[in-house]
Amino acid sequence: MSRGLWLPGLRREALSWQPDDVIEVDGALQRRFYRVAGQLVSRHEVIARDVRRIARMDTATAPG
């Protein structure tokens, strides 16, 4: 069973991220298919085993 970011450690890490942070995700990308109103649709889902921030955008040098 996939738990994604519901695992406490992964969720805690993800909640500390800020816009423009560079992150690394170890896991799998899955494509799921289902029907909505008779139409076949698909979505992608990231199944994360581990996540970490590898760089934080420096707000002093951020564009804008």
Protein backbone atom coordinates (compact mmCIF):
# COMPACT_ATOMS: atom_id res chain seq x y z
CA MET A 1 0.00 0.00 0.00
CA SER A 2 1.33 3.42 -0.94
CA ARG A 3 1.33 6.08 1.74
CA GLY A 4 3.06 8.91 -0.16
CA LEU A 5 3.44 12.03 1.97
CA TRP A 6 1.15 10.65 4.66
CA LEU A 7 4.20 9.10 6.34
CA PRO A 8 4.95 11.46 9.25
CA GLY A 9 8.64 12.02 8.38
CA LEU A 10 7.97 12.75 4.70
CA ARG A 11 5.02 15.00 5.49
CA ARG A 12 7.02 16.96 8.08
CA GLU A 13 9.84 17.46 5.57
CA ALA A 14 7.48 18.58 2.78
CA LEU A 15 5.72 21.08 5.04
CA SER A 16 9.06 22.85 5.60
CA TRP A 17 9.52 23.58 1.87
CA GLN A 18 9.12 27.09 0.48
CA PRO A 19 8.32 28.23 -3.08
CA ASP A 20 11.38 27.91 -5.36
CA ASP A 21 13.14 25.39 -3.08
CA VAL A 22 14.91 22.66 -5.06
CA ILE A 23 13.86 19.22 -3.84
CA GLU A 24 14.87 15.63 -4.53
CA VAL A 25 12.29 12.84 -4.53
CA ASP A 26 13.15 9.13 -4.48
CA GLY A 27 10.25 6.94 -5.49
CA ALA A 28 8.03 6.04 -8.42
CA LEU A 29 5.76 7.81 -10.87
CA GLN A 30 2.51 5.94 -11.56
CA ARG A 31 -0.15 6.64 -14.14
CA ARG A 32 -3.67 5.78 -13.02
CA PHE A 33 -6.64 5.32 -15.37
CA TYR A 34 -10.32 5.64 -14.51
CA ARG A 35 -13.62 6.69 -16.05
CA VAL A 36 -15.47 9.96 -15.46
CA ALA A 37 -18.82 10.49 -17.17
CA GLY A 38 -18.01 7.64 -19.54
CA GLN A 39 -14.65 9.13 -20.57
CA LEU A 40 -11.34 7.40 -19.89
CA VAL A 41 -9.03 9.79 -18.02
CA SER A 42 -5.63 9.40 -16.41
CA ARG A 43 -3.65 11.08 -13.68
CA HIS A 44 -0.04 10.79 -12.58
CA GLU A 45 0.83 10.09 -8.96
CA VAL A 46 4.22 10.40 -7.26
CA ILE A 47 4.87 7.61 -4.75
CA ALA A 48 7.63 9.07 -2.56
CA ARG A 49 9.91 6.82 -0.52
CA ASP A 50 12.22 9.66 0.51
CA VAL A 51 12.26 13.43 0.01
CA ARG A 52 14.74 16.17 0.86
CA ARG A 53 15.42 19.79 0.10
CA ILE A 54 18.76 20.17 -1.67
CA ALA A 55 18.73 23.97 -2.11
CA ARG A 56 16.70 26.86 -0.77
CA MET A 57 16.08 29.93 -2.91
CA ASP A 58 17.96 32.86 -1.36
CA THR A 59 15.31 35.55 -0.94
CA ALA A 60 17.96 38.29 -1.11
CA THR A 61 18.89 37.27 -4.67
CA ALA A 62 15.48 36.05 -5.82
CA PRO A 63 14.22 37.70 -9.00
CA GLY A 64 11.45 40.28 -8.67
